[in-house]
Amino acid sequence: MSSCVLRADTKYVVYNKGAAEWVLRKCTSQMGAQGQVLPLDEAQRQDLADNVVVKMASVGLRCIALTKAELPLEDAGRSPDFFEDAANVNQNLTLLAIVGIKDP
């Protein structure tokens, strides 16, 4: 996985991408078709892994999950290492998409 943290007006926004089977474990919600944030439970994560990731992988595609999360600006007052620790920023992610790419 890799992430970047950007400061927006009233919050930090974390953008994350990585191997779908790993990133899905960190997701607690997903973006709906109309842009709404919907809960993502363990059964839904497993369904995505089984019916999206495995199917794309079976035809030779590398599956990448794209996610985002929001953090309050108050996190800036924490220790300077706060954003260096992936455990602090790569949690409660919202799944935006799973893409399949050819990776010869």
PDB file of N, CA and C in Angstrom:
ATOM      1  N   MET A   1       0.833  -1.171   0.000  1.00  0.00           N
ATOM      2  CA  MET A   1       0.000   0.000   0.000  1.00  0.00           C
ATOM      3  C   MET A   1       0.880   1.237   0.000  1.00  0.00           C
ATOM      4  N   SER A   2       0.333   2.289  -0.537  1.00  0.00           N
ATOM      5  CA  SER A   2       0.971   3.593  -0.388  1.00  0.00           C
ATOM      6  C   SER A   2      -0.122   4.634  -0.223  1.00  0.00           C
ATOM      7  N   SER A   3       0.204   5.672   0.517  1.00  0.00           N
ATOM      8  CA  SER A   3      -0.775   6.700   0.837  1.00  0.00           C
ATOM      9  C   SER A   3      -0.143   8.072   0.726  1.00  0.00           C
ATOM     10  N   CYS A   4      -1.004   9.057   0.543  1.00  0.00           N
ATOM     11  CA  CYS A   4      -0.575  10.438   0.674  1.00  0.00           C
ATOM     12  C   CYS A   4      -1.647  11.155   1.489  1.00  0.00           C
ATOM     13  N   VAL A   5      -1.217  12.151   2.248  1.00  0.00           N
ATOM     14  CA  VAL A   5      -2.123  12.919   3.091  1.00  0.00           C
ATOM     15  C   VAL A   5      -2.090  14.360   2.598  1.00  0.00           C
ATOM     16  N   LEU A   6      -3.269  14.891   2.276  1.00  0.00           N
ATOM     17  CA  LEU A   6      -3.387  16.263   1.804  1.00  0.00           C
ATOM     18  C   LEU A   6      -4.218  17.068   2.785  1.00  0.00           C
ATOM     19  N   ARG A   7      -3.848  18.304   2.968  1.00  0.00           N
ATOM     20  CA  ARG A   7      -4.640  19.158   3.839  1.00  0.00           C
ATOM     21  C   ARG A   7      -5.699  19.866   2.999  1.00  0.00           C
ATOM     22  N   ALA A   8      -6.959  19.677   3.369  1.00  0.00           N
ATOM     23  CA  ALA A   8      -8.068  20.411   2.765  1.00  0.00           C
ATOM     24  C   ALA A   8      -8.412  21.547   3.733  1.00  0.00           C
ATOM     25  N   ASP A   9      -9.429  22.312   3.444  1.00  0.00           N
ATOM     26  CA  ASP A   9      -9.767  23.468   4.287  1.00  0.00           C
ATOM     27  C   ASP A   9      -9.984  23.101   5.747  1.00  0.00           C
ATOM     28  N   THR A  10     -10.785  22.090   5.997  1.00  0.00           N
ATOM     29  CA  THR A  10     -11.186  21.788   7.378  1.00  0.00           C
ATOM     30  C   THR A  10     -10.783  20.395   7.827  1.00  0.00           C
ATOM     31  N   LYS A  11      -9.957  19.704   7.043  1.00  0.00           N
ATOM     32  CA  LYS A  11      -9.599  18.327   7.372  1.00  0.00           C
ATOM     33  C   LYS A  11      -8.362  17.904   6.583  1.00  0.00           C
ATOM     34  N   TYR A  12      -7.851  16.754   6.926  1.00  0.00           N
ATOM     35  CA  TYR A  12      -6.852  16.069   6.111  1.00  0.00           C
ATOM     36  C   TYR A  12      -7.574  14.989   5.332  1.00  0.00           C
ATOM     37  N   VAL A  13      -7.148  14.765   4.098  1.00  0.00           N
ATOM     38  CA  VAL A  13      -7.706  13.687   3.289  1.00  0.00           C
ATOM     39  C   VAL A  13      -6.568  12.732   2.953  1.00  0.00           C
ATOM     40  N   VAL A  14      -6.774  11.463   3.267  1.00  0.00           N
ATOM     41  CA  VAL A  14      -5.807  10.405   2.988  1.00  0.00           C
ATOM     42  C   VAL A  14      -6.265   9.682   1.726  1.00  0.00           C
ATOM     43  N   TYR A  15      -5.395   9.591   0.737  1.00  0.00           N
ATOM     44  CA  TYR A  15      -5.658   8.788  -0.456  1.00  0.00           C
ATOM     45  C   TYR A  15      -4.712   7.592  -0.395  1.00  0.00           C
ATOM     46  N   ASN A  16      -5.247   6.417  -0.647  1.00  0.00           N
ATOM     47  CA  ASN A  16      -4.493   5.184  -0.491  1.00  0.00           C
ATOM     48  C   ASN A  16      -4.743   4.296  -1.700  1.00  0.00           C
ATOM     49  N   LYS A  17      -3.719   3.569  -2.103  1.00  0.00           N
ATOM     50  CA  LYS A  17      -3.884   2.552  -3.146  1.00  0.00           C
ATOM     51  C   LYS A  17      -2.984   1.381  -2.800  1.00  0.00           C
ATOM     52  N   GLY A  18      -3.406   0.210  -3.228  1.00  0.00           N
ATOM     53  CA  GLY A  18      -2.592  -0.963  -2.976  1.00  0.00           C
ATOM     54  C   GLY A  18      -3.299  -2.232  -3.388  1.00  0.00           C
ATOM     55  N   ALA A  19      -2.654  -3.351  -3.142  1.00  0.00           N
ATOM     56  CA  ALA A  19      -3.215  -4.656  -3.488  1.00  0.00           C
ATOM     57  C   ALA A  19      -4.585  -4.804  -2.832  1.00  0.00           C
ATOM     58  N   ALA A  20      -5.586  -5.091  -3.646  1.00  0.00           N
ATOM     59  CA  ALA A  20      -6.966  -5.100  -3.168  1.00  0.00           C
ATOM     60  C   ALA A  20      -7.164  -6.017  -1.975  1.00  0.00           C
ATOM     61  N   GLU A  21      -6.529  -7.175  -1.975  1.00  0.00           N
ATOM     62  CA  GLU A  21      -6.744  -8.120  -0.867  1.00  0.00           C
ATOM     63  C   GLU A  21      -6.234  -7.575   0.460  1.00  0.00           C
ATOM     64  N   TRP A  22      -5.261  -6.677   0.421  1.00  0.00           N
ATOM     65  CA  TRP A  22      -4.747  -6.060   1.649  1.00  0.00           C
ATOM     66  C   TRP A  22      -5.531  -4.816   2.024  1.00  0.00           C
ATOM     67  N   VAL A  23      -5.787  -3.969   1.056  1.00  0.00           N
ATOM     68  CA  VAL A  23      -6.459  -2.700   1.328  1.00  0.00           C
ATOM     69  C   VAL A  23      -7.897  -2.921   1.785  1.00  0.00           C
ATOM     70  N   LEU A  24      -8.583  -3.890   1.207  1.00  0.00           N
ATOM     71  CA  LEU A  24      -9.970  -4.162   1.608  1.00  0.00           C
ATOM     72  C   LEU A  24     -10.101  -4.404   3.106  1.00  0.00           C
ATOM     73  N   ARG A  25      -9.085  -4.989   3.702  1.00  0.00           N
ATOM     74  CA  ARG A  25      -9.122  -5.270   5.145  1.00  0.00           C
ATOM     75  C   ARG A  25      -9.195  -4.001   5.985  1.00  0.00           C
ATOM     76  N   LYS A  26      -8.746  -2.885   5.428  1.00  0.00           N
ATOM     77  CA  LYS A  26      -8.719  -1.606   6.149  1.00  0.00           C
ATOM     78  C   LYS A  26      -9.969  -0.757   5.881  1.00  0.00           C
ATOM     79  N   CYS A  27     -10.845  -1.236   4.995  1.00  0.00           N
ATOM     80  CA  CYS A  27     -12.028  -0.462   4.615  1.00  0.00           C
ATOM     81  C   CYS A  27     -13.198  -0.750   5.548  1.00  0.00           C
ATOM     82  N   THR A  28     -13.851   0.316   5.976  1.00  0.00           N
ATOM     83  CA  THR A  28     -15.057   0.197   6.796  1.00  0.00           C
ATOM     84  C   THR A  28     -16.274   0.747   6.078  1.00  0.00           C
ATOM     85  N   SER A  29     -16.054   1.336   4.894  1.00  0.00           N
ATOM     86  CA  SER A  29     -17.165   1.872   4.109  1.00  0.00           C
ATOM     87  C   SER A  29     -16.788   1.835   2.638  1.00  0.00           C
ATOM     88  N   GLN A  30     -17.804   2.091   1.804  1.00  0.00           N
ATOM     89  CA  GLN A  30     -17.576   2.139   0.368  1.00  0.00           C
ATOM     90  C   GLN A  30     -18.392   3.279  -0.219  1.00  0.00           C
ATOM     91  N   MET A  31     -17.905   3.826  -1.331  1.00  0.00           N
ATOM     92  CA  MET A  31     -18.605   4.898  -2.012  1.00  0.00           C
ATOM     93  C   MET A  31     -19.678   4.266  -2.898  1.00  0.00           C
ATOM     94  N   GLY A  32     -20.911   4.725  -2.734  1.00  0.00           N
ATOM     95  CA  GLY A  32     -22.015   4.221  -3.540  1.00  0.00           C
ATOM     96  C   GLY A  32     -22.039   4.879  -4.916  1.00  0.00           C
ATOM     97  N   ALA A  33     -22.904   4.360  -5.767  1.00  0.00           N
ATOM     98  CA  ALA A  33     -23.009   4.842  -7.144  1.00  0.00           C
ATOM     99  C   ALA A  33     -23.420   6.310  -7.227  1.00  0.00           C
ATOM    100  N   GLN A  34     -24.125   6.806  -6.236  1.00  0.00           N
ATOM    101  CA  GLN A  34     -24.568   8.202  -6.225  1.00  0.00           C
ATOM    102  C   GLN A  34     -23.641   9.091  -5.385  1.00  0.00           C
ATOM    103  N   GLY A  35     -22.489   8.550  -4.973  1.00  0.00           N
ATOM    104  CA  GLY A  35     -21.522   9.328  -4.208  1.00  0.00           C
ATOM    105  C   GLY A  35     -21.737   9.300  -2.709  1.00  0.00           C
ATOM    106  N   GLN A  36     -22.660   8.504  -2.247  1.00  0.00           N
ATOM    107  CA  GLN A  36     -22.914   8.399  -0.812  1.00  0.00           C
ATOM    108  C   GLN A  36     -21.965   7.371  -0.189  1.00  0.00           C
ATOM    109  N   VAL A  37     -21.603   7.585   1.064  1.00  0.00           N
ATOM    110  CA  VAL A  37     -20.741   6.649   1.782  1.00  0.00           C
ATOM    111  C   VAL A  37     -21.632   5.614   2.460  1.00  0.00           C
ATOM    112  N   LEU A  38     -21.382   4.340   2.142  1.00  0.00           N
ATOM    113  CA  LEU A  38     -22.175   3.229   2.659  1.00  0.00           C
ATOM    114  C   LEU A  38     -21.307   2.339   3.534  1.00  0.00           C
ATOM    115  N   PRO A  39     -21.874   1.748   4.576  1.00  0.00           N
ATOM    116  CA  PRO A  39     -21.094   0.824   5.405  1.00  0.00           C
ATOM    117  C   PRO A  39     -20.590  -0.366   4.589  1.00  0.00           C
ATOM    118  N   LEU A  40     -19.462  -0.906   4.999  1.00  0.00           N
ATOM    119  CA  LEU A  40     -18.891  -2.093   4.364  1.00  0.00           C
ATOM    120  C   LEU A  40     -18.546  -3.079   5.473  1.00  0.00           C
ATOM    121  N   ASP A  41     -19.319  -4.163   5.548  1.00  0.00           N
ATOM    122  CA  ASP A  41     -19.084  -5.137   6.615  1.00  0.00           C
ATOM    123  C   ASP A  41     -18.221  -6.293   6.113  1.00  0.00           C
ATOM    124  N   GLU A  42     -17.908  -7.197   6.991  1.00  0.00           N
ATOM    125  CA  GLU A  42     -17.010  -8.312   6.661  1.00  0.00           C
ATOM    126  C   GLU A  42     -17.570  -9.172   5.530  1.00  0.00           C
ATOM    127  N   ALA A  43     -18.859  -9.431   5.536  1.00  0.00           N
ATOM    128  CA  ALA A  43     -19.468 -10.247   4.475  1.00  0.00           C
ATOM    129  C   ALA A  43     -19.345  -9.553   3.114  1.00  0.00           C
ATOM    130  N   GLN A  44     -19.540  -8.253   3.087  1.00  0.00           N
ATOM    131  CA  GLN A  44     -19.410  -7.513   1.831  1.00  0.00           C
ATOM    132  C   GLN A  44     -17.956  -7.475   1.356  1.00  0.00           C
ATOM    133  N   ARG A  45     -17.022  -7.324   2.298  1.00  0.00           N
ATOM    134  CA  ARG A  45     -15.594  -7.361   1.932  1.00  0.00           C
ATOM    135  C   ARG A  45     -15.245  -8.710   1.320  1.00  0.00           C
ATOM    136  N   GLN A  46     -15.733  -9.780   1.932  1.00  0.00           N
ATOM    137  CA  GLN A  46     -15.451 -11.118   1.415  1.00  0.00           C
ATOM    138  C   GLN A  46     -16.077 -11.310   0.039  1.00  0.00           C
ATOM    139  N   ASP A  47     -17.276 -10.779  -0.149  1.00  0.00           N
ATOM    140  CA  ASP A  47     -17.944 -10.872  -1.448  1.00  0.00           C
ATOM    141  C   ASP A  47     -17.138 -10.143  -2.523  1.00  0.00           C
ATOM    142  N   LEU A  48     -16.633  -8.959  -2.200  1.00  0.00           N
ATOM    143  CA  LEU A  48     -15.796  -8.232  -3.157  1.00  0.00           C
ATOM    144  C   LEU A  48     -14.523  -9.014  -3.468  1.00  0.00           C
ATOM    145  N   ALA A  49     -13.913  -9.587  -2.452  1.00  0.00           N
ATOM    146  CA  ALA A  49     -12.694 -10.373  -2.667  1.00  0.00           C
ATOM    147  C   ALA A  49     -12.978 -11.577  -3.560  1.00  0.00           C
ATOM    148  N   ASP A  50     -14.066 -12.282  -3.277  1.00  0.00           N
ATOM    149  CA  ASP A  50     -14.383 -13.505  -4.020  1.00  0.00           C
ATOM    150  C   ASP A  50     -14.909 -13.233  -5.426  1.00  0.00           C
ATOM    151  N   ASN A  51     -15.753 -12.235  -5.574  1.00  0.00           N
ATOM    152  CA  ASN A  51     -16.464 -12.038  -6.837  1.00  0.00           C
ATOM    153  C   ASN A  51     -15.916 -10.920  -7.711  1.00  0.00           C
ATOM    154  N   VAL A  52     -15.006 -10.142  -7.208  1.00  0.00           N
ATOM    155  CA  VAL A  52     -14.398  -9.098  -8.031  1.00  0.00           C
ATOM    156  C   VAL A  52     -12.890  -9.363  -8.161  1.00  0.00           C
ATOM    157  N   VAL A  53     -12.200  -9.394  -7.032  1.00  0.00           N
ATOM    158  CA  VAL A  53     -10.744  -9.532  -7.054  1.00  0.00           C
ATOM    159  C   VAL A  53     -10.322 -10.870  -7.653  1.00  0.00           C
ATOM    160  N   VAL A  54     -10.892 -11.958  -7.185  1.00  0.00           N
ATOM    161  CA  VAL A  54     -10.497 -13.282  -7.683  1.00  0.00           C
ATOM    162  C   VAL A  54     -10.827 -13.424  -9.167  1.00  0.00           C
ATOM    163  N   LYS A  55     -11.970 -12.915  -9.587  1.00  0.00           N
ATOM    164  CA  LYS A  55     -12.344 -13.027 -11.008  1.00  0.00           C
ATOM    165  C   LYS A  55     -11.404 -12.229 -11.894  1.00  0.00           C
ATOM    166  N   MET A  56     -11.040 -11.021 -11.469  1.00  0.00           N
ATOM    167  CA  MET A  56     -10.103 -10.237 -12.279  1.00  0.00           C
ATOM    168  C   MET A  56      -8.726 -10.895 -12.290  1.00  0.00           C
ATOM    169  N   ALA A  57      -8.308 -11.386 -11.132  1.00  0.00           N
ATOM    170  CA  ALA A  57      -7.000 -12.035 -11.053  1.00  0.00           C
ATOM    171  C   ALA A  57      -6.960 -13.296 -11.920  1.00  0.00           C
ATOM    172  N   SER A  58      -8.088 -13.994 -12.037  1.00  0.00           N
ATOM    173  CA  SER A  58      -8.125 -15.238 -12.813  1.00  0.00           C
ATOM    174  C   SER A  58      -7.922 -15.008 -14.308  1.00  0.00           C
ATOM    175  N   VAL A  59      -8.096 -13.777 -14.760  1.00  0.00           N
ATOM    176  CA  VAL A  59      -7.831 -13.462 -16.170  1.00  0.00           C
ATOM    177  C   VAL A  59      -6.551 -12.638 -16.313  1.00  0.00           C
ATOM    178  N   GLY A  60      -5.700 -12.693 -15.294  1.00  0.00           N
ATOM    179  CA  GLY A  60      -4.377 -12.100 -15.382  1.00  0.00           C
ATOM    180  C   GLY A  60      -4.275 -10.632 -15.015  1.00  0.00           C
ATOM    181  N   LEU A  61      -5.303 -10.083 -14.382  1.00  0.00           N
ATOM    182  CA  LEU A  61      -5.246  -8.678 -13.989  1.00  0.00           C
ATOM    183  C   LEU A  61      -4.737  -8.539 -12.563  1.00  0.00           C
ATOM    184  N   ARG A  62      -3.967  -7.497 -12.335  1.00  0.00           N
ATOM    185  CA  ARG A  62      -3.521  -7.155 -10.985  1.00  0.00           C
ATOM    186  C   ARG A  62      -4.568  -6.212 -10.407  1.00  0.00           C
ATOM    187  N   CYS A  63      -5.080  -6.541  -9.244  1.00  0.00           N
ATOM    188  CA  CYS A  63      -6.192  -5.796  -8.658  1.00  0.00           C
ATOM    189  C   CYS A  63      -5.687  -4.779  -7.646  1.00  0.00           C
ATOM    190  N   ILE A  64      -6.052  -3.530  -7.876  1.00  0.00           N
ATOM    191  CA  ILE A  64      -5.638  -2.420  -7.033  1.00  0.00           C
ATOM    192  C   ILE A  64      -6.899  -1.770  -6.460  1.00  0.00           C
ATOM    193  N   ALA A  65      -6.905  -1.573  -5.147  1.00  0.00           N
ATOM    194  CA  ALA A  65      -8.011  -0.870  -4.502  1.00  0.00           C
ATOM    195  C   ALA A  65      -7.610   0.586  -4.312  1.00  0.00           C
ATOM    196  N   LEU A  66      -8.544   1.484  -4.595  1.00  0.00           N
ATOM    197  CA  LEU A  66      -8.354   2.917  -4.405  1.00  0.00           C
ATOM    198  C   LEU A  66      -9.281   3.365  -3.292  1.00  0.00           C
ATOM    199  N   THR A  67      -8.736   4.068  -2.299  1.00  0.00           N
ATOM    200  CA  THR A  67      -9.520   4.437  -1.132  1.00  0.00           C
ATOM    201  C   THR A  67      -9.219   5.866  -0.702  1.00  0.00           C
ATOM    202  N   LYS A  68     -10.034   6.342   0.226  1.00  0.00           N
ATOM    203  CA  LYS A  68      -9.754   7.617   0.872  1.00  0.00           C
ATOM    204  C   LYS A  68     -10.284   7.584   2.288  1.00  0.00           C
ATOM    205  N   ALA A  69      -9.794   8.498   3.099  1.00  0.00           N
ATOM    206  CA  ALA A  69     -10.270   8.669   4.472  1.00  0.00           C
ATOM    207  C   ALA A  69     -10.099  10.136   4.828  1.00  0.00           C
ATOM    208  N   GLU A  70     -10.827  10.563   5.825  1.00  0.00           N
ATOM    209  CA  GLU A  70     -10.707  11.937   6.296  1.00  0.00           C
ATOM    210  C   GLU A  70     -10.265  11.934   7.751  1.00  0.00           C
ATOM    211  N   LEU A  71      -9.358  12.843   8.069  1.00  0.00           N
ATOM    212  CA  LEU A  71      -8.854  12.995   9.430  1.00  0.00           C
ATOM    213  C   LEU A  71      -9.060  14.438   9.866  1.00  0.00           C
ATOM    214  N   PRO A  72      -9.379  14.657  11.132  1.00  0.00           N
ATOM    215  CA  PRO A  72      -9.561  16.038  11.592  1.00  0.00           C
ATOM    216  C   PRO A  72      -8.239  16.805  11.628  1.00  0.00           C
ATOM    217  N   LEU A  73      -8.338  18.115  11.458  1.00  0.00           N
ATOM    218  CA  LEU A  73      -7.135  18.949  11.512  1.00  0.00           C
ATOM    219  C   LEU A  73      -6.436  18.852  12.856  1.00  0.00           C
ATOM    220  N   GLU A  74      -7.162  18.490  13.896  1.00  0.00           N
ATOM    221  CA  GLU A  74      -6.556  18.374  15.225  1.00  0.00           C
ATOM    222  C   GLU A  74      -5.408  17.369  15.242  1.00  0.00           C
ATOM    223  N   ASP A  75      -5.399  16.459  14.285  1.00  0.00           N
ATOM    224  CA  ASP A  75      -4.306  15.487  14.236  1.00  0.00           C
ATOM    225  C   ASP A  75      -2.960  16.159  14.008  1.00  0.00           C
ATOM    226  N   ALA A  76      -2.965  17.383  13.508  1.00  0.00           N
ATOM    227  CA  ALA A  76      -1.707  18.095  13.277  1.00  0.00           C
ATOM    228  C   ALA A  76      -0.993  18.396  14.583  1.00  0.00           C
ATOM    229  N   GLY A  77      -1.743  18.468  15.682  1.00  0.00           N
ATOM    230  CA  GLY A  77      -1.150  18.760  16.978  1.00  0.00           C
ATOM    231  C   GLY A  77      -0.511  17.560  17.640  1.00  0.00           C
ATOM    232  N   ARG A  78      -0.628  16.427  17.036  1.00  0.00           N
ATOM    233  CA  ARG A  78      -0.018  15.221  17.599  1.00  0.00           C
ATOM    234  C   ARG A  78       1.480  15.232  17.337  1.00  0.00           C
ATOM    235  N   SER A  79       2.136  14.186  17.750  1.00  0.00           N
ATOM    236  CA  SER A  79       3.586  14.125  17.576  1.00  0.00           C
ATOM    237  C   SER A  79       3.945  14.238  16.092  1.00  0.00           C
ATOM    238  N   PRO A  80       5.144  14.719  15.779  1.00  0.00           N
ATOM    239  CA  PRO A  80       5.550  14.866  14.375  1.00  0.00           C
ATOM    240  C   PRO A  80       5.532  13.542  13.611  1.00  0.00           C
ATOM    241  N   ASP A  81       5.611  12.444  14.328  1.00  0.00           N
ATOM    242  CA  ASP A  81       5.634  11.139  13.671  1.00  0.00           C
ATOM    243  C   ASP A  81       4.246  10.585  13.386  1.00  0.00           C
ATOM    244  N   PHE A  82       3.190  11.302  13.780  1.00  0.00           N
ATOM    245  CA  PHE A  82       1.821  10.779  13.631  1.00  0.00           C
ATOM    246  C   PHE A  82       1.540  10.319  12.210  1.00  0.00           C
ATOM    247  N   PHE A  83       1.864  11.165  11.218  1.00  0.00           N
ATOM    248  CA  PHE A  83       1.550  10.829   9.834  1.00  0.00           C
ATOM    249  C   PHE A  83       2.557   9.863   9.219  1.00  0.00           C
ATOM    250  N   GLU A  84       3.668   9.630   9.890  1.00  0.00           N
ATOM    251  CA  GLU A  84       4.658   8.676   9.400  1.00  0.00           C
ATOM    252  C   GLU A  84       4.250   7.234   9.703  1.00  0.00           C
ATOM    253  N   ASP A  85       3.383   7.060  10.680  1.00  0.00           N
ATOM    254  CA  ASP A  85       2.937   5.720  11.083  1.00  0.00           C
ATOM    255  C   ASP A  85       1.684   5.355  10.293  1.00  0.00           C
ATOM    256  N   ALA A  86       1.824   4.392   9.378  1.00  0.00           N
ATOM    257  CA  ALA A  86       0.710   4.002   8.516  1.00  0.00           C
ATOM    258  C   ALA A  86      -0.521   3.572   9.306  1.00  0.00           C
ATOM    259  N   ALA A  87      -0.327   3.028  10.487  1.00  0.00           N
ATOM    260  CA  ALA A  87      -1.470   2.588  11.293  1.00  0.00           C
ATOM    261  C   ALA A  87      -2.364   3.761  11.686  1.00  0.00           C
ATOM    262  N   ASN A  88      -1.808   4.951  11.759  1.00  0.00           N
ATOM    263  CA  ASN A  88      -2.602   6.130  12.119  1.00  0.00           C
ATOM    264  C   ASN A  88      -3.463   6.640  10.968  1.00  0.00           C
ATOM    265  N   VAL A  89      -2.999   6.465   9.754  1.00  0.00           N
ATOM    266  CA  VAL A  89      -3.721   7.041   8.615  1.00  0.00           C
ATOM    267  C   VAL A  89      -4.421   6.014   7.736  1.00  0.00           C
ATOM    268  N   ASN A  90      -3.969   4.794   7.731  1.00  0.00           N
ATOM    269  CA  ASN A  90      -4.564   3.754   6.887  1.00  0.00           C
ATOM    270  C   ASN A  90      -5.567   2.924   7.679  1.00  0.00           C
ATOM    271  N   GLN A  91      -6.583   3.597   8.181  1.00  0.00           N
ATOM    272  CA  GLN A  91      -7.643   2.908   8.909  1.00  0.00           C
ATOM    273  C   GLN A  91      -8.967   3.580   8.584  1.00  0.00           C
ATOM    274  N   ASN A  92     -10.054   2.856   8.747  1.00  0.00           N
ATOM    275  CA  ASN A  92     -11.385   3.384   8.445  1.00  0.00           C
ATOM    276  C   ASN A  92     -11.444   3.990   7.045  1.00  0.00           C
ATOM    277  N   LEU A  93     -10.884   3.257   6.090  1.00  0.00           N
ATOM    278  CA  LEU A  93     -10.842   3.734   4.713  1.00  0.00           C
ATOM    279  C   LEU A  93     -12.194   3.541   4.030  1.00  0.00           C
ATOM    280  N   THR A  94     -12.476   4.414   3.069  1.00  0.00           N
ATOM    281  CA  THR A  94     -13.665   4.287   2.223  1.00  0.00           C
ATOM    282  C   THR A  94     -13.206   3.794   0.861  1.00  0.00           C
ATOM    283  N   LEU A  95     -13.731   2.653   0.444  1.00  0.00           N
ATOM    284  CA  LEU A  95     -13.381   2.071  -0.845  1.00  0.00           C
ATOM    285  C   LEU A  95     -14.014   2.898  -1.956  1.00  0.00           C
ATOM    286  N   LEU A  96     -13.193   3.385  -2.879  1.00  0.00           N
ATOM    287  CA  LEU A  96     -13.681   4.146  -4.024  1.00  0.00           C
ATOM    288  C   LEU A  96     -13.828   3.263  -5.256  1.00  0.00           C
ATOM    289  N   ALA A  97     -12.869   2.357  -5.458  1.00  0.00           N
ATOM    290  CA  ALA A  97     -12.890   1.499  -6.646  1.00  0.00           C
ATOM    291  C   ALA A  97     -11.896   0.367  -6.492  1.00  0.00           C
ATOM    292  N   ILE A  98     -12.150  -0.686  -7.241  1.00  0.00           N
ATOM    293  CA  ILE A  98     -11.170  -1.757  -7.436  1.00  0.00           C
ATOM    294  C   ILE A  98     -10.925  -1.793  -8.937  1.00  0.00           C
ATOM    295  N   VAL A  99      -9.680  -1.619  -9.319  1.00  0.00           N
ATOM    296  CA  VAL A  99      -9.341  -1.612 -10.741  1.00  0.00           C
ATOM    297  C   VAL A  99      -8.440  -2.800 -11.040  1.00  0.00           C
ATOM    298  N   GLY A 100      -8.532  -3.280 -12.257  1.00  0.00           N
ATOM    299  CA  GLY A 100      -7.672  -4.366 -12.715  1.00  0.00           C
ATOM    300  C   GLY A 100      -6.738  -3.838 -13.782  1.00  0.00           C
ATOM    301  N   ILE A 101      -5.451  -4.055 -13.601  1.00  0.00           N
ATOM    302  CA  ILE A 101      -4.482  -3.582 -14.580  1.00  0.00           C
ATOM    303  C   ILE A 101      -3.645  -4.763 -15.093  1.00  0.00           C
ATOM    304  N   LYS A 102      -3.210  -4.658 -16.322  1.00  0.00           N
ATOM    305  CA  LYS A 102      -2.279  -5.643 -16.851  1.00  0.00           C
ATOM    306  C   LYS A 102      -0.901  -5.265 -16.343  1.00  0.00           C
ATOM    307  N   ASP A 103      -0.202  -6.219 -15.775  1.00  0.00           N
ATOM    308  CA  ASP A 103       1.121  -5.973 -15.212  1.00  0.00           C
ATOM    309  C   ASP A 103       2.065  -7.051 -15.726  1.00  0.00           C
ATOM    310  N   PRO A 104       2.513  -6.892 -17.003  1.00  0.00           N
ATOM    311  CA  PRO A 104       3.324  -7.970 -17.628  1.00  0.00           C
ATOM    312  C   PRO A 104       4.674  -8.143 -16.959  1.00  0.00           C
TER     313      PRO A 104
END
